[in-house]
């Protein structure tokens, strides 16, 4: 196989942020019965599943980045390291927010959503690009799902124990390029790789959109 087109230099290791861990606890407590739970339900994501992977809800005025607050609040997803430590937060605006306010990652180094799944020993790790894609794949029954918050967020140093990988990246041009690159690099590292073809999402670009638009969310 040809060498990778791009050498992935190790990224700076994100430091644990204890102040975010305590804040995340309050967000998790606020999720049940909130507009955040209703938004999850609209997207066919069970509350229990979201709670199991640490999703929370920020009330309007309570988001950690006050300059990016949203009138209907935000679903909050923790950026974690494989050890489970919180290194940052991602807030997804609830409802039909303008594109400029829809997504907000706190400043600083990013982690993954559900990064401890990289250490699982009960089967392959499924890699996707966004937190809602991860929830959709989990709802469909996929185990050990990790969201990397964009195709450039991958860290090989965090995947040393992941001997089997399933790539479930977006079906757009950047996702297709990243799929080929990550698959090649994984094989060069001796890992077993499978991937979801674009047709797996029907006419949609990712797992989240497919689940959201599906009339039969349990299929």
N, C-alpha and C. Protein backbone atom coordinates (compact mmCIF):
# COMPACT_ATOMS: atom_id res chain seq x y z
N UNK A 1 0.86 -1.20 0.00
CA UNK A 1 0.00 0.00 0.00
C UNK A 1 0.88 1.24 0.00
N UNK A 2 0.47 2.30 -0.69
CA UNK A 2 1.26 3.53 -0.69
C UNK A 2 1.23 4.17 0.69
N UNK A 3 2.24 4.95 1.03
CA UNK A 3 2.24 5.62 2.34
C UNK A 3 1.13 6.64 2.42
N UNK A 4 0.71 7.00 3.62
CA UNK A 4 -0.34 8.01 3.75
C UNK A 4 0.07 9.31 3.08
N UNK A 5 -0.91 10.00 2.49
CA UNK A 5 -0.63 11.27 1.84
C UNK A 5 -0.26 12.34 2.85
N UNK A 6 -0.75 12.19 4.06
CA UNK A 6 -0.53 13.21 5.07
C UNK A 6 -0.06 12.54 6.36
N UNK A 7 0.97 13.04 6.95
CA UNK A 7 1.47 12.49 8.20
C UNK A 7 0.72 13.15 9.35
N UNK A 8 0.10 12.32 10.20
CA UNK A 8 -0.62 12.84 11.34
C UNK A 8 0.34 13.02 12.51
N UNK A 9 0.73 14.25 12.75
CA UNK A 9 1.58 14.52 13.90
C UNK A 9 0.73 14.49 15.16
N UNK A 10 1.26 13.94 16.25
CA UNK A 10 0.47 13.92 17.49
C UNK A 10 0.01 15.32 17.87
N UNK A 11 -1.27 15.44 18.19
CA UNK A 11 -1.81 16.73 18.61
C UNK A 11 -1.51 16.92 20.10
N UNK A 12 -1.46 18.16 20.56
CA UNK A 12 -1.27 18.39 22.00
C UNK A 12 -2.35 17.67 22.80
N UNK A 13 -1.93 17.02 23.86
CA UNK A 13 -2.88 16.29 24.69
C UNK A 13 -3.76 17.29 25.45
N UNK A 14 -5.09 17.22 25.28
CA UNK A 14 -5.95 18.16 26.01
C UNK A 14 -5.93 17.86 27.50
N UNK A 15 -5.87 18.91 28.28
CA UNK A 15 -5.81 18.75 29.74
C UNK A 15 -7.20 18.59 30.32
N UNK A 16 -7.35 17.75 31.35
CA UNK A 16 -8.65 17.65 32.03
C UNK A 16 -9.04 19.01 32.63
N UNK A 17 -10.33 19.29 32.60
CA UNK A 17 -10.84 20.57 33.13
C UNK A 17 -11.90 20.28 34.19
N UNK A 18 -11.47 20.16 35.44
CA UNK A 18 -12.40 19.78 36.52
C UNK A 18 -13.59 20.72 36.64
N UNK A 19 -13.40 22.01 36.33
CA UNK A 19 -14.51 22.95 36.45
C UNK A 19 -15.63 22.62 35.47
N UNK A 20 -15.27 22.02 34.32
CA UNK A 20 -16.29 21.62 33.35
C UNK A 20 -17.00 20.34 33.80
N UNK A 21 -16.28 19.49 34.51
CA UNK A 21 -16.89 18.26 35.01
C UNK A 21 -18.03 18.57 35.97
N UNK A 22 -17.81 19.53 36.87
CA UNK A 22 -18.88 19.89 37.81
C UNK A 22 -20.02 20.59 37.10
N UNK A 23 -19.70 21.43 36.10
CA UNK A 23 -20.74 22.10 35.32
C UNK A 23 -21.56 21.09 34.54
N UNK A 24 -20.89 20.07 34.00
CA UNK A 24 -21.59 19.04 33.22
C UNK A 24 -22.59 18.28 34.08
N UNK A 25 -22.28 18.13 35.36
CA UNK A 25 -23.22 17.46 36.26
C UNK A 25 -24.53 18.22 36.33
N UNK A 26 -24.45 19.54 36.41
CA UNK A 26 -25.69 20.34 36.46
C UNK A 26 -26.45 20.26 35.14
N UNK A 27 -25.73 20.19 34.03
CA UNK A 27 -26.40 20.06 32.73
C UNK A 27 -27.11 18.71 32.63
N UNK A 28 -26.47 17.66 33.10
CA UNK A 28 -27.11 16.33 33.05
C UNK A 28 -28.37 16.29 33.90
N UNK A 29 -28.31 16.93 35.05
CA UNK A 29 -29.49 16.96 35.93
C UNK A 29 -30.65 17.71 35.29
N UNK A 30 -30.33 18.67 34.41
CA UNK A 30 -31.38 19.50 33.80
C UNK A 30 -32.02 18.87 32.57
N UNK A 31 -31.48 17.76 32.07
CA UNK A 31 -31.98 17.20 30.81
C UNK A 31 -33.38 16.61 30.91
N UNK A 32 -33.71 15.75 31.88
CA UNK A 32 -35.05 15.14 31.90
C UNK A 32 -36.16 16.20 31.99
N UNK A 33 -37.15 16.08 31.12
CA UNK A 33 -38.28 16.99 31.11
C UNK A 33 -38.01 18.35 30.49
N UNK A 34 -36.84 18.53 29.91
CA UNK A 34 -36.45 19.82 29.35
C UNK A 34 -36.76 19.89 27.86
N UNK A 35 -36.65 21.09 27.26
CA UNK A 35 -36.72 21.18 25.80
C UNK A 35 -35.65 20.35 25.12
N UNK A 36 -34.55 20.11 25.82
CA UNK A 36 -33.50 19.25 25.26
C UNK A 36 -33.98 17.82 25.09
N UNK A 37 -34.71 17.31 26.08
CA UNK A 37 -35.27 15.96 25.95
C UNK A 37 -36.27 15.91 24.80
N UNK A 38 -37.11 16.95 24.66
CA UNK A 38 -38.08 16.98 23.57
C UNK A 38 -37.37 16.99 22.21
N UNK A 39 -36.26 17.71 22.13
CA UNK A 39 -35.50 17.76 20.87
C UNK A 39 -34.90 16.40 20.55
N UNK A 40 -34.40 15.71 21.56
CA UNK A 40 -33.90 14.35 21.34
C UNK A 40 -35.01 13.44 20.84
N UNK A 41 -36.19 13.57 21.43
CA UNK A 41 -37.31 12.74 21.02
C UNK A 41 -37.69 13.00 19.56
N UNK A 42 -37.65 14.27 19.14
CA UNK A 42 -37.94 14.60 17.74
C UNK A 42 -36.97 13.90 16.80
N UNK A 43 -35.76 13.70 17.27
CA UNK A 43 -34.74 13.06 16.44
C UNK A 43 -34.63 11.56 16.71
N UNK A 44 -35.64 11.01 17.39
CA UNK A 44 -35.76 9.57 17.65
C UNK A 44 -34.62 9.04 18.52
N UNK A 45 -34.13 9.87 19.45
CA UNK A 45 -33.08 9.44 20.37
C UNK A 45 -33.70 9.25 21.76
N UNK A 46 -33.69 8.04 22.31
CA UNK A 46 -34.28 7.82 23.64
C UNK A 46 -33.51 8.58 24.73
N UNK A 47 -34.23 9.10 25.69
CA UNK A 47 -33.60 9.82 26.80
C UNK A 47 -32.59 8.93 27.52
N UNK A 48 -32.95 7.67 27.74
CA UNK A 48 -32.06 6.79 28.49
C UNK A 48 -30.73 6.58 27.78
N UNK A 49 -30.77 6.51 26.46
CA UNK A 49 -29.53 6.36 25.70
C UNK A 49 -28.66 7.60 25.87
N UNK A 50 -29.26 8.78 25.72
CA UNK A 50 -28.50 10.02 25.85
C UNK A 50 -27.90 10.15 27.25
N UNK A 51 -28.68 9.79 28.26
CA UNK A 51 -28.17 9.88 29.62
C UNK A 51 -27.02 8.90 29.85
N UNK A 52 -27.09 7.73 29.22
CA UNK A 52 -26.06 6.72 29.42
C UNK A 52 -24.69 7.17 28.93
N UNK A 53 -24.67 8.09 27.94
CA UNK A 53 -23.39 8.56 27.41
C UNK A 53 -23.12 10.01 27.81
N UNK A 54 -23.83 10.48 28.85
CA UNK A 54 -23.46 11.73 29.49
C UNK A 54 -23.97 13.01 28.86
N UNK A 55 -25.03 12.96 28.06
CA UNK A 55 -25.57 14.16 27.44
C UNK A 55 -26.32 14.99 28.48
N UNK A 56 -26.24 16.31 28.39
CA UNK A 56 -26.94 17.19 29.29
C UNK A 56 -27.68 18.29 28.54
N UNK A 57 -28.24 19.23 29.30
CA UNK A 57 -28.99 20.35 28.72
C UNK A 57 -28.67 21.63 29.48
N UNK A 58 -28.32 22.66 28.72
CA UNK A 58 -28.07 23.97 29.30
C UNK A 58 -29.30 24.84 29.13
N UNK A 59 -29.87 25.31 30.22
CA UNK A 59 -30.98 26.25 30.16
C UNK A 59 -30.53 27.55 29.50
N UNK A 60 -31.46 28.30 28.90
CA UNK A 60 -31.08 29.61 28.38
C UNK A 60 -30.44 30.46 29.47
N UNK A 61 -29.30 31.03 29.18
CA UNK A 61 -28.58 31.84 30.15
C UNK A 61 -27.59 31.07 30.98
N UNK A 62 -27.55 29.73 30.83
CA UNK A 62 -26.65 28.92 31.65
C UNK A 62 -25.49 28.31 30.87
N UNK A 63 -25.42 28.57 29.55
CA UNK A 63 -24.35 27.98 28.75
C UNK A 63 -23.00 28.55 29.17
N UNK A 64 -21.98 27.70 29.17
CA UNK A 64 -20.65 28.08 29.64
C UNK A 64 -20.05 29.24 28.86
N UNK A 65 -20.42 29.37 27.59
CA UNK A 65 -19.95 30.48 26.77
C UNK A 65 -21.11 31.46 26.62
N UNK A 66 -21.19 32.45 27.51
CA UNK A 66 -22.36 33.33 27.56
C UNK A 66 -22.55 34.13 26.27
N UNK A 67 -21.48 34.36 25.54
CA UNK A 67 -21.60 35.13 24.29
C UNK A 67 -22.26 34.32 23.19
N UNK A 68 -22.43 33.02 23.41
CA UNK A 68 -23.04 32.15 22.41
C UNK A 68 -24.31 31.50 22.95
N UNK A 69 -24.97 32.18 23.85
CA UNK A 69 -26.19 31.63 24.44
C UNK A 69 -27.29 31.55 23.37
N UNK A 70 -28.28 30.69 23.63
CA UNK A 70 -29.39 30.51 22.70
C UNK A 70 -30.69 30.47 23.48
N UNK A 71 -31.72 31.11 22.94
CA UNK A 71 -32.97 31.32 23.65
C UNK A 71 -33.69 30.04 24.05
N UNK A 72 -33.44 28.94 23.36
CA UNK A 72 -34.09 27.68 23.72
C UNK A 72 -33.14 26.72 24.42
N UNK A 73 -31.94 27.19 24.75
CA UNK A 73 -30.99 26.33 25.43
C UNK A 73 -30.21 25.44 24.48
N UNK A 74 -29.29 24.69 25.03
CA UNK A 74 -28.44 23.81 24.23
C UNK A 74 -28.35 22.42 24.83
N UNK A 75 -28.39 21.42 23.97
CA UNK A 75 -27.95 20.09 24.39
C UNK A 75 -26.44 20.14 24.53
N UNK A 76 -25.92 19.52 25.57
CA UNK A 76 -24.49 19.61 25.87
C UNK A 76 -23.87 18.21 25.83
N UNK A 77 -22.81 18.11 25.03
CA UNK A 77 -22.08 16.85 24.86
C UNK A 77 -20.65 17.05 25.39
N UNK A 78 -20.19 16.19 26.27
CA UNK A 78 -18.83 16.36 26.78
C UNK A 78 -17.77 15.90 25.78
N UNK A 79 -16.73 16.70 25.61
CA UNK A 79 -15.51 16.25 24.95
C UNK A 79 -14.72 15.46 25.99
N UNK A 80 -14.40 14.22 25.71
CA UNK A 80 -13.67 13.42 26.69
C UNK A 80 -12.39 12.84 26.09
N UNK A 81 -11.52 12.40 26.98
CA UNK A 81 -10.35 11.61 26.61
C UNK A 81 -10.72 10.14 26.78
N UNK A 82 -9.88 9.21 26.28
CA UNK A 82 -10.22 7.79 26.46
C UNK A 82 -10.38 7.38 27.93
N UNK A 83 -9.72 8.09 28.83
CA UNK A 83 -9.87 7.77 30.26
C UNK A 83 -11.18 8.29 30.83
N UNK A 84 -11.93 9.06 30.03
CA UNK A 84 -13.22 9.56 30.48
C UNK A 84 -13.20 10.94 31.07
N UNK A 85 -12.04 11.58 31.13
CA UNK A 85 -11.95 12.92 31.69
C UNK A 85 -12.52 13.95 30.70
N UNK A 86 -13.24 14.93 31.21
CA UNK A 86 -13.82 15.97 30.37
C UNK A 86 -12.77 17.04 30.08
N UNK A 87 -12.58 17.32 28.78
CA UNK A 87 -11.57 18.29 28.37
C UNK A 87 -12.19 19.52 27.71
N UNK A 88 -13.46 19.44 27.32
CA UNK A 88 -14.17 20.57 26.72
C UNK A 88 -15.64 20.19 26.63
N UNK A 89 -16.46 21.12 26.11
CA UNK A 89 -17.89 20.88 25.95
C UNK A 89 -18.34 21.36 24.57
N UNK A 90 -19.33 20.66 24.05
CA UNK A 90 -19.98 21.06 22.80
C UNK A 90 -21.45 21.32 23.08
N UNK A 91 -21.93 22.49 22.68
CA UNK A 91 -23.33 22.82 22.87
C UNK A 91 -24.06 22.91 21.53
N UNK A 92 -25.10 22.10 21.39
CA UNK A 92 -25.91 22.08 20.16
C UNK A 92 -27.22 22.81 20.44
N UNK A 93 -27.46 23.90 19.73
CA UNK A 93 -28.67 24.69 19.95
C UNK A 93 -29.92 23.84 19.71
N UNK A 94 -30.89 23.97 20.60
CA UNK A 94 -32.15 23.26 20.48
C UNK A 94 -33.07 24.02 19.53
N UNK A 95 -33.72 23.29 18.64
CA UNK A 95 -34.65 23.91 17.72
C UNK A 95 -33.98 24.47 16.48
N UNK A 96 -34.67 25.37 15.81
CA UNK A 96 -34.20 25.92 14.53
C UNK A 96 -33.37 27.18 14.76
N UNK A 97 -32.17 26.99 15.24
CA UNK A 97 -31.27 28.13 15.46
C UNK A 97 -30.60 28.52 14.15
N UNK A 98 -30.22 29.78 13.99
CA UNK A 98 -29.45 30.17 12.81
C UNK A 98 -28.13 29.42 12.78
N UNK A 99 -27.62 29.22 11.58
CA UNK A 99 -26.39 28.43 11.42
C UNK A 99 -25.24 28.99 12.25
N UNK A 100 -25.19 30.31 12.40
CA UNK A 100 -24.10 30.93 13.14
C UNK A 100 -24.12 30.60 14.62
N UNK A 101 -25.27 30.16 15.14
CA UNK A 101 -25.39 29.84 16.57
C UNK A 101 -25.64 28.36 16.83
N UNK A 102 -25.81 27.58 15.79
CA UNK A 102 -26.23 26.18 15.95
C UNK A 102 -25.22 25.36 16.75
N UNK A 103 -23.94 25.52 16.44
CA UNK A 103 -22.89 24.72 17.08
C UNK A 103 -21.97 25.61 17.90
N UNK A 104 -21.57 25.14 19.07
CA UNK A 104 -20.58 25.89 19.85
C UNK A 104 -19.69 24.94 20.64
N UNK A 105 -18.42 24.91 20.29
CA UNK A 105 -17.41 24.19 21.06
C UNK A 105 -16.65 25.20 21.89
N UNK A 106 -16.43 24.91 23.15
CA UNK A 106 -15.64 25.81 23.97
C UNK A 106 -14.22 25.88 23.41
N UNK A 107 -13.55 26.99 23.67
CA UNK A 107 -12.20 27.17 23.16
C UNK A 107 -11.24 26.17 23.81
N UNK A 108 -10.13 25.94 23.14
CA UNK A 108 -9.14 24.98 23.64
C UNK A 108 -9.16 23.69 22.85
N UNK A 109 -8.29 22.77 23.24
CA UNK A 109 -8.16 21.49 22.54
C UNK A 109 -9.44 20.67 22.66
N UNK A 110 -9.79 20.00 21.57
CA UNK A 110 -10.99 19.17 21.55
C UNK A 110 -10.65 17.73 21.93
N UNK A 111 -11.64 17.04 22.49
CA UNK A 111 -11.53 15.61 22.69
C UNK A 111 -12.49 14.91 21.74
N UNK A 112 -13.03 13.79 22.17
CA UNK A 112 -14.05 13.06 21.41
C UNK A 112 -15.31 12.98 22.25
N UNK A 113 -16.43 12.75 21.59
CA UNK A 113 -17.64 12.37 22.31
C UNK A 113 -17.62 10.86 22.49
N UNK A 114 -17.73 10.42 23.75
CA UNK A 114 -17.71 8.99 24.10
C UNK A 114 -16.36 8.34 23.82
N UNK A 115 -15.28 9.05 24.07
CA UNK A 115 -13.93 8.53 23.81
C UNK A 115 -13.60 7.23 24.55
N UNK A 116 -14.13 6.95 25.76
CA UNK A 116 -13.79 5.69 26.42
C UNK A 116 -14.14 4.45 25.60
N UNK A 117 -15.01 4.58 24.60
CA UNK A 117 -15.34 3.43 23.74
C UNK A 117 -14.12 2.92 22.99
N UNK A 118 -13.09 3.77 22.85
CA UNK A 118 -11.86 3.33 22.18
C UNK A 118 -11.15 2.22 22.94
N UNK A 119 -11.45 2.10 24.23
CA UNK A 119 -10.78 1.10 25.06
C UNK A 119 -11.62 -0.17 25.22
N UNK A 120 -12.77 -0.22 24.56
CA UNK A 120 -13.66 -1.38 24.70
C UNK A 120 -13.01 -2.64 24.13
N UNK A 121 -13.30 -3.76 24.76
CA UNK A 121 -12.74 -5.03 24.29
C UNK A 121 -13.84 -5.99 23.84
N UNK A 122 -15.02 -5.45 23.48
CA UNK A 122 -16.15 -6.30 23.09
C UNK A 122 -16.55 -6.09 21.64
N UNK A 123 -15.56 -5.81 20.78
CA UNK A 123 -15.88 -5.67 19.36
C UNK A 123 -15.29 -4.42 18.78
N UNK A 124 -15.60 -4.15 17.51
CA UNK A 124 -15.00 -3.00 16.81
C UNK A 124 -15.50 -1.67 17.36
N UNK A 125 -14.70 -0.63 17.10
CA UNK A 125 -15.08 0.74 17.43
C UNK A 125 -15.62 1.40 16.17
N UNK A 126 -16.78 2.03 16.27
CA UNK A 126 -17.37 2.73 15.13
C UNK A 126 -17.02 4.22 15.25
N UNK A 127 -16.46 4.78 14.19
CA UNK A 127 -16.01 6.17 14.18
C UNK A 127 -16.94 7.00 13.30
N UNK A 128 -17.48 8.08 13.85
CA UNK A 128 -18.30 9.00 13.07
C UNK A 128 -17.84 10.43 13.33
N UNK A 129 -18.49 11.40 12.68
CA UNK A 129 -17.99 12.77 12.72
C UNK A 129 -18.69 13.68 13.72
N UNK A 130 -19.88 13.36 14.15
CA UNK A 130 -20.62 14.28 15.01
C UNK A 130 -21.37 13.58 16.12
N UNK A 131 -21.71 14.35 17.16
CA UNK A 131 -22.35 13.77 18.34
C UNK A 131 -23.72 13.16 18.01
N UNK A 132 -24.52 13.84 17.16
CA UNK A 132 -25.82 13.27 16.82
C UNK A 132 -25.68 12.05 15.92
N UNK A 133 -24.65 12.00 15.09
CA UNK A 133 -24.38 10.77 14.34
C UNK A 133 -24.11 9.62 15.30
N UNK A 134 -23.33 9.90 16.35
CA UNK A 134 -23.02 8.86 17.33
C UNK A 134 -24.29 8.36 18.00
N UNK A 135 -25.16 9.28 18.42
CA UNK A 135 -26.41 8.87 19.07
C UNK A 135 -27.28 8.05 18.12
N UNK A 136 -27.33 8.45 16.84
CA UNK A 136 -28.13 7.72 15.86
C UNK A 136 -27.60 6.30 15.67
N UNK A 137 -26.29 6.16 15.58
CA UNK A 137 -25.70 4.84 15.42
C UNK A 137 -25.92 3.97 16.65
N UNK A 138 -25.82 4.59 17.84
CA UNK A 138 -26.10 3.85 19.07
C UNK A 138 -27.55 3.40 19.10
N UNK A 139 -28.46 4.30 18.69
CA UNK A 139 -29.88 3.96 18.68
C UNK A 139 -30.16 2.81 17.72
N UNK A 140 -29.34 2.70 16.67
CA UNK A 140 -29.49 1.61 15.70
C UNK A 140 -28.83 0.33 16.16
N UNK A 141 -28.16 0.36 17.32
CA UNK A 141 -27.59 -0.85 17.88
C UNK A 141 -26.10 -1.01 17.75
N UNK A 142 -25.42 -0.01 17.19
CA UNK A 142 -23.96 -0.11 17.05
C UNK A 142 -23.29 0.06 18.41
N UNK A 143 -22.38 -0.83 18.78
CA UNK A 143 -21.67 -0.68 20.05
C UNK A 143 -20.42 0.18 19.86
N UNK A 144 -19.91 0.72 20.95
CA UNK A 144 -18.59 1.36 20.97
C UNK A 144 -18.46 2.46 19.91
N UNK A 145 -19.37 3.43 19.94
CA UNK A 145 -19.36 4.50 18.95
C UNK A 145 -18.63 5.72 19.50
N UNK A 146 -17.77 6.31 18.67
CA UNK A 146 -17.01 7.50 19.04
C UNK A 146 -17.24 8.57 17.98
N UNK A 147 -17.51 9.81 18.41
CA UNK A 147 -17.61 10.95 17.48
C UNK A 147 -16.36 11.80 17.62
N UNK A 148 -15.77 12.14 16.48
CA UNK A 148 -14.48 12.85 16.51
C UNK A 148 -14.61 14.34 16.21
N UNK A 149 -15.84 14.87 16.08
CA UNK A 149 -16.06 16.29 15.84
C UNK A 149 -15.29 16.80 14.63
N UNK A 150 -15.53 16.16 13.48
CA UNK A 150 -14.88 16.57 12.24
C UNK A 150 -13.75 15.64 11.85
N UNK A 151 -13.52 15.53 10.55
CA UNK A 151 -12.56 14.54 10.05
C UNK A 151 -11.12 14.84 10.42
N UNK A 152 -10.83 16.09 10.80
CA UNK A 152 -9.46 16.42 11.17
C UNK A 152 -9.17 16.18 12.65
N UNK A 153 -10.13 15.65 13.37
CA UNK A 153 -9.94 15.49 14.81
C UNK A 153 -9.35 14.17 15.25
N UNK A 154 -9.03 13.31 14.31
CA UNK A 154 -8.59 11.95 14.67
C UNK A 154 -7.21 11.96 15.32
N UNK A 155 -7.03 11.14 16.37
CA UNK A 155 -5.76 11.00 17.09
C UNK A 155 -5.39 9.52 17.11
N UNK A 156 -4.38 9.14 16.36
CA UNK A 156 -3.96 7.74 16.37
C UNK A 156 -3.42 7.32 17.72
N UNK A 157 -2.83 8.24 18.46
CA UNK A 157 -2.29 7.88 19.77
C UNK A 157 -3.38 7.47 20.75
N UNK A 158 -4.64 7.86 20.48
CA UNK A 158 -5.75 7.45 21.33
C UNK A 158 -6.34 6.12 20.90
N UNK A 159 -5.94 5.60 19.76
CA UNK A 159 -6.58 4.41 19.20
C UNK A 159 -5.66 3.19 19.23
N UNK A 160 -4.68 3.20 20.10
CA UNK A 160 -3.71 2.10 20.11
C UNK A 160 -4.36 0.76 20.44
N UNK A 161 -5.40 0.76 21.26
CA UNK A 161 -6.05 -0.49 21.65
C UNK A 161 -7.22 -0.87 20.74
N UNK A 162 -7.53 -0.02 19.79
CA UNK A 162 -8.65 -0.30 18.87
C UNK A 162 -8.13 -1.11 17.69
N UNK A 163 -8.24 -2.42 17.77
CA UNK A 163 -7.71 -3.28 16.70
C UNK A 163 -8.67 -3.42 15.53
N UNK A 164 -9.96 -3.13 15.78
CA UNK A 164 -10.98 -3.22 14.73
C UNK A 164 -11.74 -1.90 14.67
N UNK A 165 -11.91 -1.37 13.46
CA UNK A 165 -12.59 -0.09 13.29
C UNK A 165 -13.65 -0.18 12.20
N UNK A 166 -14.77 0.49 12.44
CA UNK A 166 -15.80 0.68 11.41
C UNK A 166 -15.91 2.18 11.17
N UNK A 167 -15.66 2.63 9.96
CA UNK A 167 -15.71 4.04 9.63
C UNK A 167 -17.11 4.39 9.13
N UNK A 168 -17.79 5.26 9.86
CA UNK A 168 -19.15 5.70 9.50
C UNK A 168 -19.13 7.20 9.31
N UNK A 169 -18.31 7.65 8.38
CA UNK A 169 -18.14 9.07 8.14
C UNK A 169 -19.23 9.61 7.21
N UNK A 170 -19.32 10.93 7.13
CA UNK A 170 -20.33 11.54 6.27
C UNK A 170 -20.08 11.17 4.81
N UNK A 171 -21.13 11.19 4.01
CA UNK A 171 -21.02 10.79 2.61
C UNK A 171 -20.68 11.96 1.69
N UNK A 172 -20.27 13.10 2.26
CA UNK A 172 -19.87 14.23 1.42
C UNK A 172 -18.41 14.04 0.97
N UNK A 173 -17.88 15.01 0.21
CA UNK A 173 -16.55 14.85 -0.36
C UNK A 173 -15.47 14.77 0.70
N UNK A 174 -15.56 15.58 1.76
CA UNK A 174 -14.53 15.53 2.80
C UNK A 174 -14.59 14.23 3.57
N UNK A 175 -15.80 13.72 3.81
CA UNK A 175 -15.93 12.44 4.49
C UNK A 175 -15.38 11.30 3.66
N UNK A 176 -15.61 11.35 2.34
CA UNK A 176 -15.11 10.30 1.45
C UNK A 176 -13.58 10.30 1.41
N UNK A 177 -12.99 11.49 1.35
CA UNK A 177 -11.53 11.57 1.36
C UNK A 177 -10.95 11.06 2.68
N UNK A 178 -11.58 11.47 3.78
CA UNK A 178 -11.09 11.05 5.09
C UNK A 178 -11.24 9.55 5.27
N UNK A 179 -12.32 8.98 4.74
CA UNK A 179 -12.52 7.53 4.86
C UNK A 179 -11.36 6.78 4.21
N UNK A 180 -10.99 7.17 3.00
CA UNK A 180 -9.89 6.49 2.32
C UNK A 180 -8.58 6.67 3.07
N UNK A 181 -8.34 7.87 3.56
CA UNK A 181 -7.09 8.14 4.26
C UNK A 181 -7.00 7.37 5.58
N UNK A 182 -8.07 7.44 6.38
CA UNK A 182 -8.04 6.75 7.67
C UNK A 182 -7.98 5.23 7.48
N UNK A 183 -8.70 4.72 6.49
CA UNK A 183 -8.66 3.28 6.23
C UNK A 183 -7.26 2.83 5.85
N UNK A 184 -6.61 3.59 4.99
CA UNK A 184 -5.24 3.25 4.58
C UNK A 184 -4.29 3.29 5.77
N UNK A 185 -4.38 4.33 6.57
CA UNK A 185 -3.49 4.46 7.71
C UNK A 185 -3.75 3.38 8.75
N UNK A 186 -5.02 3.02 8.91
CA UNK A 186 -5.36 1.96 9.86
C UNK A 186 -4.76 0.62 9.42
N UNK A 187 -4.86 0.31 8.13
CA UNK A 187 -4.30 -0.95 7.63
C UNK A 187 -2.78 -0.96 7.77
N UNK A 188 -2.14 0.18 7.54
CA UNK A 188 -0.69 0.25 7.73
C UNK A 188 -0.30 0.03 9.18
N UNK A 189 -1.23 0.26 10.09
CA UNK A 189 -0.98 0.03 11.51
C UNK A 189 -1.47 -1.34 11.95
N UNK A 190 -1.86 -2.18 11.02
CA UNK A 190 -2.25 -3.54 11.34
C UNK A 190 -3.66 -3.70 11.86
N UNK A 191 -4.51 -2.70 11.66
CA UNK A 191 -5.88 -2.78 12.17
C UNK A 191 -6.84 -3.31 11.11
N UNK A 192 -7.89 -3.96 11.56
CA UNK A 192 -8.95 -4.42 10.67
C UNK A 192 -9.94 -3.29 10.47
N UNK A 193 -10.31 -3.03 9.21
CA UNK A 193 -11.16 -1.88 8.91
C UNK A 193 -12.36 -2.29 8.07
N UNK A 194 -13.51 -1.78 8.44
CA UNK A 194 -14.71 -1.86 7.61
C UNK A 194 -15.29 -0.46 7.52
N UNK A 195 -16.26 -0.25 6.63
CA UNK A 195 -16.82 1.09 6.51
C UNK A 195 -18.25 1.00 5.98
N UNK A 196 -19.00 2.07 6.26
CA UNK A 196 -20.35 2.18 5.72
C UNK A 196 -20.26 2.89 4.38
N UNK A 197 -20.78 2.27 3.35
CA UNK A 197 -20.82 2.91 2.04
C UNK A 197 -21.86 4.03 2.05
N UNK A 198 -21.72 5.02 1.16
CA UNK A 198 -22.69 6.12 1.12
C UNK A 198 -24.13 5.65 1.01
N UNK A 199 -24.36 4.55 0.32
CA UNK A 199 -25.72 4.04 0.17
C UNK A 199 -26.35 3.60 1.48
N UNK A 200 -25.54 3.40 2.51
CA UNK A 200 -26.07 3.00 3.80
C UNK A 200 -26.97 4.08 4.40
N UNK A 201 -26.78 5.34 3.97
CA UNK A 201 -27.57 6.45 4.47
C UNK A 201 -28.71 6.82 3.53
N UNK A 202 -28.98 6.00 2.53
CA UNK A 202 -30.00 6.35 1.57
C UNK A 202 -29.61 7.60 0.82
N UNK A 203 -30.49 8.58 0.78
CA UNK A 203 -30.19 9.85 0.11
C UNK A 203 -29.66 10.90 1.08
N UNK A 204 -29.45 10.51 2.33
CA UNK A 204 -28.96 11.46 3.34
C UNK A 204 -27.43 11.42 3.41
N UNK A 205 -26.86 12.41 4.10
CA UNK A 205 -25.40 12.49 4.14
C UNK A 205 -24.78 11.81 5.34
N UNK A 206 -25.59 11.47 6.36
CA UNK A 206 -25.01 10.84 7.55
C UNK A 206 -26.09 10.09 8.32
N UNK A 207 -25.67 9.39 9.37
CA UNK A 207 -26.59 8.56 10.14
C UNK A 207 -27.64 9.38 10.87
N UNK A 208 -27.26 10.55 11.36
CA UNK A 208 -28.20 11.39 12.08
C UNK A 208 -29.35 11.83 11.19
N UNK A 209 -29.03 12.31 9.99
CA UNK A 209 -30.07 12.76 9.06
C UNK A 209 -30.99 11.61 8.67
N UNK A 210 -30.41 10.43 8.48
CA UNK A 210 -31.22 9.27 8.11
C UNK A 210 -32.21 8.92 9.20
N UNK A 211 -31.76 8.90 10.45
CA UNK A 211 -32.65 8.55 11.55
C UNK A 211 -33.72 9.62 11.74
N UNK A 212 -33.34 10.88 11.59
CA UNK A 212 -34.26 12.00 11.80
C UNK A 212 -35.38 11.99 10.78
N UNK A 213 -35.07 11.66 9.53
CA UNK A 213 -36.06 11.72 8.47
C UNK A 213 -36.82 10.41 8.29
N UNK A 214 -36.40 9.38 9.02
CA UNK A 214 -37.02 8.07 8.86
C UNK A 214 -38.40 8.03 9.50
N UNK A 215 -39.37 7.43 8.80
CA UNK A 215 -40.69 7.22 9.38
C UNK A 215 -40.73 5.98 10.25
N UNK A 216 -39.68 5.17 10.17
CA UNK A 216 -39.61 3.94 10.96
C UNK A 216 -38.27 3.97 11.68
N UNK A 217 -38.21 4.71 12.79
CA UNK A 217 -36.95 4.97 13.45
C UNK A 217 -36.31 3.73 14.06
N UNK A 218 -37.10 2.63 14.16
CA UNK A 218 -36.53 1.43 14.75
C UNK A 218 -35.95 0.50 13.70
N UNK A 219 -35.92 0.90 12.42
CA UNK A 219 -35.37 0.04 11.39
C UNK A 219 -33.85 0.14 11.37
